[in-house]
Amino acid sequence: MIRVVNSAFAVETFLEGTRTDAERIAEMLGKGEFLVAESPGPQLVACVFTQSRGDRGYLGMLAVDPSAQGRGIGRAMVGAAEAHCRRAGCLRMELSVLSLRPELLPFYKRLGYVETGREEFVPSRPLKAGIECHKILMSKSL
């Protein structure tokens, strides 16, 4: 999972270091779950973090191996996360997109998400010098 996340998020050159590690994944697993997709072989090709927060679900760290991108796997993983949270009793799904990743907004908007606000971004790893970033909050009714 770490390999897939770090390779998928390698485009985030505005942050120092890699996106995740075993410690961060363990911390996240203490709060929620990761759904994964494997190719025949089996080889992990995608993952997404989900968390139930009462009647709200959260999805994050959606990652598709770069060699498997463009095949609808990301869309399928979002659908699986939504279904998972719906089964847990969630009525809404929430996520956040970094302002420095504007290419993600249209993807989530096509899936029915709307912008609901902005929030300070507190990175788990340092931003490169001179870079400013915030979170764009998005939500969707399940």
N, C-alpha and C. Protein backbone atom coordinates (compact mmCIF):
# COMPACT_ATOMS: atom_id res chain seq x y z
N MET A 1 0.84 -1.19 0.00
CA MET A 1 0.00 0.00 0.00
C MET A 1 0.88 1.25 0.00
N ILE A 2 1.93 1.24 0.77
CA ILE A 2 2.83 2.39 0.85
C ILE A 2 3.40 2.71 -0.53
N ARG A 3 3.81 1.67 -1.27
CA ARG A 3 4.37 1.86 -2.61
C ARG A 3 3.36 2.53 -3.53
N VAL A 4 2.13 2.06 -3.53
CA VAL A 4 1.10 2.61 -4.42
C VAL A 4 0.82 4.06 -4.06
N VAL A 5 0.67 4.35 -2.78
CA VAL A 5 0.39 5.73 -2.35
C VAL A 5 1.54 6.65 -2.75
N ASN A 6 2.75 6.26 -2.42
CA ASN A 6 3.88 7.14 -2.72
C ASN A 6 4.09 7.34 -4.21
N SER A 7 3.86 6.30 -5.02
CA SER A 7 4.02 6.48 -6.47
C SER A 7 2.89 7.34 -7.04
N ALA A 8 1.67 7.16 -6.55
CA ALA A 8 0.54 7.95 -7.05
C ALA A 8 0.66 9.42 -6.65
N PHE A 9 1.23 9.68 -5.49
CA PHE A 9 1.34 11.05 -5.00
C PHE A 9 2.69 11.69 -5.31
N ALA A 10 3.50 11.03 -6.11
CA ALA A 10 4.81 11.58 -6.48
C ALA A 10 4.69 12.92 -7.21
N VAL A 11 3.51 13.21 -7.77
CA VAL A 11 3.28 14.48 -8.45
C VAL A 11 3.24 15.66 -7.48
N GLU A 12 3.12 15.38 -6.20
CA GLU A 12 3.07 16.44 -5.20
C GLU A 12 4.49 16.92 -4.88
N THR A 13 5.11 17.52 -5.85
CA THR A 13 6.50 17.96 -5.71
C THR A 13 6.63 19.18 -4.80
N PHE A 14 5.52 19.74 -4.36
CA PHE A 14 5.54 20.90 -3.47
C PHE A 14 5.78 20.50 -2.02
N LEU A 15 5.76 19.19 -1.73
CA LEU A 15 6.01 18.68 -0.39
C LEU A 15 7.37 17.99 -0.34
N GLU A 16 8.01 18.07 0.80
CA GLU A 16 9.29 17.39 0.99
C GLU A 16 9.04 15.91 1.29
N GLY A 17 9.87 15.04 0.78
CA GLY A 17 9.81 13.62 1.11
C GLY A 17 8.66 12.87 0.44
N THR A 18 8.37 11.69 0.97
CA THR A 18 7.31 10.84 0.42
C THR A 18 5.99 11.11 1.12
N ARG A 19 4.92 10.68 0.51
CA ARG A 19 3.57 10.96 1.01
C ARG A 19 3.26 10.21 2.29
N THR A 20 3.70 8.96 2.38
CA THR A 20 3.34 8.18 3.56
C THR A 20 4.44 7.20 3.92
N ASP A 21 4.24 6.57 5.07
CA ASP A 21 5.16 5.53 5.54
C ASP A 21 4.37 4.60 6.45
N ALA A 22 5.03 3.57 6.97
CA ALA A 22 4.34 2.57 7.80
C ALA A 22 3.71 3.21 9.04
N GLU A 23 4.38 4.18 9.63
CA GLU A 23 3.86 4.84 10.83
C GLU A 23 2.56 5.58 10.53
N ARG A 24 2.53 6.32 9.44
CA ARG A 24 1.33 7.09 9.06
C ARG A 24 0.17 6.16 8.72
N ILE A 25 0.46 5.08 7.99
CA ILE A 25 -0.60 4.12 7.65
C ILE A 25 -1.15 3.49 8.93
N ALA A 26 -0.29 3.11 9.86
CA ALA A 26 -0.75 2.53 11.13
C ALA A 26 -1.62 3.52 11.89
N GLU A 27 -1.23 4.78 11.89
CA GLU A 27 -2.02 5.82 12.57
C GLU A 27 -3.40 5.93 11.93
N MET A 28 -3.45 5.92 10.61
CA MET A 28 -4.73 6.02 9.92
C MET A 28 -5.60 4.79 10.18
N LEU A 29 -4.98 3.60 10.22
CA LEU A 29 -5.74 2.37 10.49
C LEU A 29 -6.34 2.37 11.88
N GLY A 30 -5.80 3.18 12.78
CA GLY A 30 -6.38 3.32 14.10
C GLY A 30 -7.65 4.16 14.10
N LYS A 31 -7.89 4.87 12.99
CA LYS A 31 -9.05 5.77 12.88
C LYS A 31 -10.08 5.30 11.87
N GLY A 32 -9.68 4.47 10.91
CA GLY A 32 -10.57 4.05 9.84
C GLY A 32 -10.02 2.84 9.14
N GLU A 33 -10.39 2.69 7.88
CA GLU A 33 -10.00 1.51 7.11
C GLU A 33 -9.51 1.92 5.73
N PHE A 34 -8.70 1.07 5.14
CA PHE A 34 -8.31 1.22 3.75
C PHE A 34 -9.03 0.15 2.94
N LEU A 35 -9.62 0.55 1.84
CA LEU A 35 -10.15 -0.39 0.86
C LEU A 35 -9.07 -0.52 -0.21
N VAL A 36 -8.87 -1.71 -0.72
CA VAL A 36 -7.81 -1.92 -1.70
C VAL A 36 -8.36 -2.65 -2.93
N ALA A 37 -7.67 -2.46 -4.05
CA ALA A 37 -7.98 -3.17 -5.29
C ALA A 37 -6.70 -3.85 -5.76
N GLU A 38 -6.85 -5.10 -6.16
CA GLU A 38 -5.71 -5.86 -6.66
C GLU A 38 -5.93 -6.25 -8.11
N SER A 39 -4.84 -6.36 -8.83
CA SER A 39 -4.90 -6.88 -10.19
C SER A 39 -4.67 -8.38 -10.09
N PRO A 40 -4.94 -9.12 -11.16
CA PRO A 40 -4.59 -10.55 -11.13
C PRO A 40 -3.09 -10.67 -10.88
N GLY A 41 -2.76 -11.56 -10.05
CA GLY A 41 -1.34 -11.73 -9.77
C GLY A 41 -1.06 -12.16 -8.36
N PRO A 42 -1.60 -11.67 -7.32
CA PRO A 42 -2.28 -10.38 -7.17
C PRO A 42 -1.26 -9.28 -6.86
N GLN A 43 -1.53 -8.12 -7.37
CA GLN A 43 -0.71 -6.96 -7.08
C GLN A 43 -1.63 -5.81 -6.73
N LEU A 44 -1.33 -5.11 -5.65
CA LEU A 44 -2.13 -3.97 -5.23
C LEU A 44 -2.02 -2.86 -6.28
N VAL A 45 -3.16 -2.38 -6.78
CA VAL A 45 -3.14 -1.31 -7.78
C VAL A 45 -3.80 -0.03 -7.30
N ALA A 46 -4.59 -0.10 -6.21
CA ALA A 46 -5.27 1.10 -5.74
C ALA A 46 -5.69 0.92 -4.28
N CYS A 47 -5.86 2.07 -3.61
CA CYS A 47 -6.38 2.05 -2.25
C CYS A 47 -7.05 3.39 -1.97
N VAL A 48 -7.92 3.38 -0.98
CA VAL A 48 -8.57 4.59 -0.51
C VAL A 48 -8.85 4.42 0.98
N PHE A 49 -8.65 5.49 1.74
CA PHE A 49 -8.92 5.49 3.16
C PHE A 49 -10.36 5.91 3.39
N THR A 50 -11.06 5.23 4.30
CA THR A 50 -12.42 5.60 4.66
C THR A 50 -12.54 5.69 6.18
N GLN A 51 -13.41 6.57 6.60
CA GLN A 51 -13.66 6.72 8.03
C GLN A 51 -15.11 7.14 8.23
N SER A 52 -15.80 6.47 9.15
CA SER A 52 -17.16 6.86 9.51
C SER A 52 -17.09 7.82 10.68
N ARG A 53 -17.78 8.94 10.54
CA ARG A 53 -17.82 9.97 11.58
C ARG A 53 -19.29 10.27 11.87
N GLY A 54 -19.94 9.35 12.56
CA GLY A 54 -21.37 9.50 12.79
C GLY A 54 -22.13 9.30 11.49
N ASP A 55 -22.90 10.31 11.10
CA ASP A 55 -23.66 10.19 9.84
C ASP A 55 -22.87 10.72 8.64
N ARG A 56 -21.58 11.01 8.85
CA ARG A 56 -20.73 11.49 7.77
C ARG A 56 -19.58 10.52 7.54
N GLY A 57 -19.32 10.25 6.28
CA GLY A 57 -18.17 9.43 5.93
C GLY A 57 -17.08 10.33 5.39
N TYR A 58 -15.87 9.86 5.46
CA TYR A 58 -14.74 10.60 4.94
C TYR A 58 -13.92 9.67 4.06
N LEU A 59 -13.46 10.21 2.93
CA LEU A 59 -12.53 9.44 2.11
C LEU A 59 -11.29 10.28 1.88
N GLY A 60 -10.17 9.62 1.86
CA GLY A 60 -8.92 10.31 1.66
C GLY A 60 -7.86 9.37 1.12
N MET A 61 -6.74 9.94 0.78
CA MET A 61 -5.58 9.22 0.28
C MET A 61 -5.96 8.22 -0.83
N LEU A 62 -6.83 8.68 -1.73
CA LEU A 62 -7.16 7.86 -2.90
C LEU A 62 -5.91 7.76 -3.76
N ALA A 63 -5.47 6.54 -4.02
CA ALA A 63 -4.24 6.34 -4.78
C ALA A 63 -4.42 5.20 -5.77
N VAL A 64 -4.05 5.46 -7.02
CA VAL A 64 -4.04 4.43 -8.06
C VAL A 64 -2.63 4.38 -8.62
N ASP A 65 -2.08 3.19 -8.71
CA ASP A 65 -0.74 3.03 -9.26
C ASP A 65 -0.69 3.74 -10.62
N PRO A 66 0.32 4.56 -10.86
CA PRO A 66 0.39 5.28 -12.14
C PRO A 66 0.26 4.39 -13.37
N SER A 67 0.73 3.15 -13.30
CA SER A 67 0.61 2.25 -14.46
C SER A 67 -0.82 1.80 -14.71
N ALA A 68 -1.70 2.00 -13.74
CA ALA A 68 -3.10 1.58 -13.88
C ALA A 68 -4.07 2.76 -13.98
N GLN A 69 -3.55 3.99 -13.98
CA GLN A 69 -4.42 5.16 -14.04
C GLN A 69 -5.07 5.29 -15.41
N GLY A 70 -6.21 5.96 -15.44
CA GLY A 70 -6.92 6.19 -16.69
C GLY A 70 -7.82 5.05 -17.10
N ARG A 71 -8.05 4.11 -16.21
CA ARG A 71 -8.90 2.93 -16.51
C ARG A 71 -10.18 2.90 -15.70
N GLY A 72 -10.47 3.98 -14.96
CA GLY A 72 -11.69 4.03 -14.15
C GLY A 72 -11.54 3.43 -12.76
N ILE A 73 -10.33 3.06 -12.38
CA ILE A 73 -10.12 2.44 -11.07
C ILE A 73 -10.36 3.45 -9.95
N GLY A 74 -9.90 4.70 -10.14
CA GLY A 74 -10.12 5.73 -9.12
C GLY A 74 -11.61 5.96 -8.89
N ARG A 75 -12.36 6.06 -9.97
CA ARG A 75 -13.81 6.24 -9.88
C ARG A 75 -14.44 5.06 -9.13
N ALA A 76 -14.00 3.85 -9.44
CA ALA A 76 -14.53 2.65 -8.78
C ALA A 76 -14.18 2.64 -7.30
N MET A 77 -12.98 3.10 -6.96
CA MET A 77 -12.57 3.14 -5.55
C MET A 77 -13.41 4.16 -4.77
N VAL A 78 -13.70 5.30 -5.38
CA VAL A 78 -14.57 6.29 -4.72
C VAL A 78 -15.96 5.68 -4.51
N GLY A 79 -16.48 4.99 -5.52
CA GLY A 79 -17.78 4.33 -5.39
C GLY A 79 -17.78 3.29 -4.28
N ALA A 80 -16.70 2.52 -4.18
CA ALA A 80 -16.60 1.52 -3.12
C ALA A 80 -16.55 2.18 -1.74
N ALA A 81 -15.81 3.28 -1.64
CA ALA A 81 -15.73 4.01 -0.36
C ALA A 81 -17.10 4.56 0.02
N GLU A 82 -17.82 5.11 -0.95
CA GLU A 82 -19.16 5.64 -0.68
C GLU A 82 -20.09 4.52 -0.22
N ALA A 83 -20.06 3.39 -0.91
CA ALA A 83 -20.92 2.26 -0.55
C ALA A 83 -20.57 1.74 0.85
N HIS A 84 -19.29 1.66 1.15
CA HIS A 84 -18.83 1.21 2.45
C HIS A 84 -19.37 2.12 3.56
N CYS A 85 -19.26 3.42 3.37
CA CYS A 85 -19.75 4.37 4.37
C CYS A 85 -21.27 4.39 4.43
N ARG A 86 -21.93 4.22 3.31
CA ARG A 86 -23.40 4.15 3.29
C ARG A 86 -23.87 2.96 4.14
N ARG A 87 -23.21 1.80 3.98
CA ARG A 87 -23.56 0.62 4.77
C ARG A 87 -23.32 0.86 6.26
N ALA A 88 -22.41 1.75 6.60
CA ALA A 88 -22.12 2.08 8.00
C ALA A 88 -23.09 3.13 8.55
N GLY A 89 -24.05 3.55 7.73
CA GLY A 89 -25.06 4.52 8.18
C GLY A 89 -24.77 5.96 7.86
N CYS A 90 -23.76 6.22 7.06
CA CYS A 90 -23.42 7.59 6.70
C CYS A 90 -24.40 8.14 5.67
N LEU A 91 -24.75 9.41 5.82
CA LEU A 91 -25.66 10.08 4.90
C LEU A 91 -24.94 11.03 3.95
N ARG A 92 -23.72 11.42 4.32
CA ARG A 92 -22.90 12.32 3.50
C ARG A 92 -21.49 11.78 3.42
N MET A 93 -20.81 12.14 2.36
CA MET A 93 -19.40 11.78 2.20
C MET A 93 -18.63 13.07 2.07
N GLU A 94 -17.50 13.15 2.76
CA GLU A 94 -16.67 14.35 2.73
C GLU A 94 -15.25 14.00 2.31
N LEU A 95 -14.57 14.97 1.74
CA LEU A 95 -13.17 14.81 1.37
C LEU A 95 -12.55 16.18 1.28
N SER A 96 -11.24 16.21 1.15
CA SER A 96 -10.56 17.48 0.95
C SER A 96 -9.53 17.31 -0.16
N VAL A 97 -9.33 18.40 -0.89
CA VAL A 97 -8.38 18.44 -2.00
C VAL A 97 -7.43 19.59 -1.71
N LEU A 98 -6.16 19.38 -1.93
CA LEU A 98 -5.20 20.47 -1.73
C LEU A 98 -5.31 21.48 -2.86
N SER A 99 -5.21 22.75 -2.51
CA SER A 99 -5.32 23.82 -3.52
C SER A 99 -4.25 23.71 -4.59
N LEU A 100 -3.14 23.07 -4.29
CA LEU A 100 -2.07 22.89 -5.27
C LEU A 100 -2.31 21.69 -6.19
N ARG A 101 -3.48 21.03 -6.05
CA ARG A 101 -3.87 19.91 -6.91
C ARG A 101 -5.19 20.24 -7.62
N PRO A 102 -5.26 21.37 -8.34
CA PRO A 102 -6.52 21.80 -8.95
C PRO A 102 -7.08 20.81 -9.97
N GLU A 103 -6.25 19.92 -10.50
CA GLU A 103 -6.74 18.94 -11.47
C GLU A 103 -7.68 17.92 -10.84
N LEU A 104 -7.69 17.84 -9.50
CA LEU A 104 -8.57 16.88 -8.82
C LEU A 104 -10.00 17.40 -8.67
N LEU A 105 -10.17 18.71 -8.64
CA LEU A 105 -11.52 19.27 -8.46
C LEU A 105 -12.50 18.79 -9.53
N PRO A 106 -12.18 18.87 -10.82
CA PRO A 106 -13.13 18.39 -11.83
C PRO A 106 -13.45 16.90 -11.69
N PHE A 107 -12.48 16.10 -11.30
CA PHE A 107 -12.71 14.66 -11.10
C PHE A 107 -13.80 14.45 -10.06
N TYR A 108 -13.64 15.08 -8.90
CA TYR A 108 -14.62 14.88 -7.84
C TYR A 108 -15.95 15.55 -8.17
N LYS A 109 -15.92 16.67 -8.86
CA LYS A 109 -17.18 17.32 -9.26
C LYS A 109 -17.97 16.41 -10.20
N ARG A 110 -17.29 15.71 -11.11
CA ARG A 110 -17.98 14.76 -12.00
C ARG A 110 -18.64 13.63 -11.22
N LEU A 111 -18.13 13.35 -10.03
CA LEU A 111 -18.68 12.29 -9.19
C LEU A 111 -19.75 12.81 -8.24
N GLY A 112 -20.12 14.09 -8.39
CA GLY A 112 -21.21 14.65 -7.61
C GLY A 112 -20.81 15.45 -6.39
N TYR A 113 -19.53 15.65 -6.16
CA TYR A 113 -19.07 16.43 -5.01
C TYR A 113 -19.13 17.92 -5.31
N VAL A 114 -19.45 18.69 -4.27
CA VAL A 114 -19.48 20.15 -4.40
C VAL A 114 -18.57 20.74 -3.33
N GLU A 115 -18.01 21.90 -3.65
CA GLU A 115 -17.15 22.60 -2.69
C GLU A 115 -18.00 23.13 -1.55
N THR A 116 -17.52 22.93 -0.32
CA THR A 116 -18.27 23.37 0.85
C THR A 116 -17.48 24.34 1.73
N GLY A 117 -16.22 24.56 1.41
CA GLY A 117 -15.44 25.49 2.21
C GLY A 117 -13.95 25.30 2.00
N ARG A 118 -13.21 26.04 2.79
CA ARG A 118 -11.74 25.97 2.76
C ARG A 118 -11.25 25.86 4.19
N GLU A 119 -10.07 25.31 4.32
CA GLU A 119 -9.52 25.08 5.65
C GLU A 119 -8.00 25.13 5.56
N GLU A 120 -7.37 25.48 6.65
CA GLU A 120 -5.91 25.51 6.69
C GLU A 120 -5.36 24.11 6.45
N PHE A 121 -4.29 24.02 5.71
CA PHE A 121 -3.60 22.75 5.48
C PHE A 121 -2.43 22.66 6.42
N VAL A 122 -2.45 21.64 7.27
CA VAL A 122 -1.35 21.37 8.19
C VAL A 122 -0.68 20.09 7.69
N PRO A 123 0.40 20.22 6.95
CA PRO A 123 1.00 19.04 6.31
C PRO A 123 1.70 18.11 7.31
N SER A 124 1.67 16.82 6.97
CA SER A 124 2.39 15.83 7.78
C SER A 124 3.87 15.83 7.44
N ARG A 125 4.21 16.45 6.33
CA ARG A 125 5.60 16.65 5.94
C ARG A 125 5.73 18.08 5.44
N PRO A 126 6.90 18.67 5.54
CA PRO A 126 7.03 20.10 5.24
C PRO A 126 6.75 20.48 3.78
N LEU A 127 6.13 21.65 3.63
CA LEU A 127 5.99 22.25 2.30
C LEU A 127 7.35 22.82 1.91
N LYS A 128 7.64 22.82 0.64
CA LYS A 128 8.89 23.44 0.17
C LYS A 128 8.81 24.94 0.42
N ALA A 129 9.95 25.56 0.60
CA ALA A 129 10.03 26.98 0.93
C ALA A 129 9.25 27.83 -0.08
N GLY A 130 8.49 28.79 0.44
CA GLY A 130 7.76 29.73 -0.40
C GLY A 130 6.44 29.23 -0.95
N ILE A 131 6.06 28.01 -0.63
CA ILE A 131 4.81 27.43 -1.14
C ILE A 131 3.69 27.66 -0.13
N GLU A 132 2.53 28.08 -0.63
CA GLU A 132 1.33 28.22 0.21
C GLU A 132 0.28 27.26 -0.29
N CYS A 133 -0.47 26.69 0.63
CA CYS A 133 -1.46 25.68 0.27
C CYS A 133 -2.58 25.69 1.30
N HIS A 134 -3.79 25.38 0.87
CA HIS A 134 -4.92 25.19 1.77
C HIS A 134 -5.74 24.01 1.28
N LYS A 135 -6.67 23.57 2.11
CA LYS A 135 -7.57 22.48 1.74
C LYS A 135 -8.85 23.05 1.16
N ILE A 136 -9.35 22.42 0.14
CA ILE A 136 -10.67 22.71 -0.41
C ILE A 136 -11.56 21.56 0.03
N LEU A 137 -12.58 21.87 0.84
CA LEU A 137 -13.48 20.86 1.37
C LEU A 137 -14.58 20.59 0.37
N MET A 138 -14.93 19.30 0.23
CA MET A 138 -15.99 18.90 -0.70
C MET A 138 -16.88 17.89 0.00
N SER A 139 -18.14 17.82 -0.45
CA SER A 139 -19.11 16.94 0.19
C SER A 139 -20.13 16.47 -0.85
N LYS A 140 -20.78 15.37 -0.51
CA LYS A 140 -21.80 14.78 -1.38
C LYS A 140 -22.79 14.02 -0.53
N SER A 141 -24.06 14.11 -0.87
CA SER A 141 -25.07 13.30 -0.20
C SER A 141 -24.96 11.86 -0.68
N LEU A 142 -25.08 10.94 0.26
CA LEU A 142 -25.09 9.53 -0.11
C LEU A 142 -26.52 9.10 -0.23
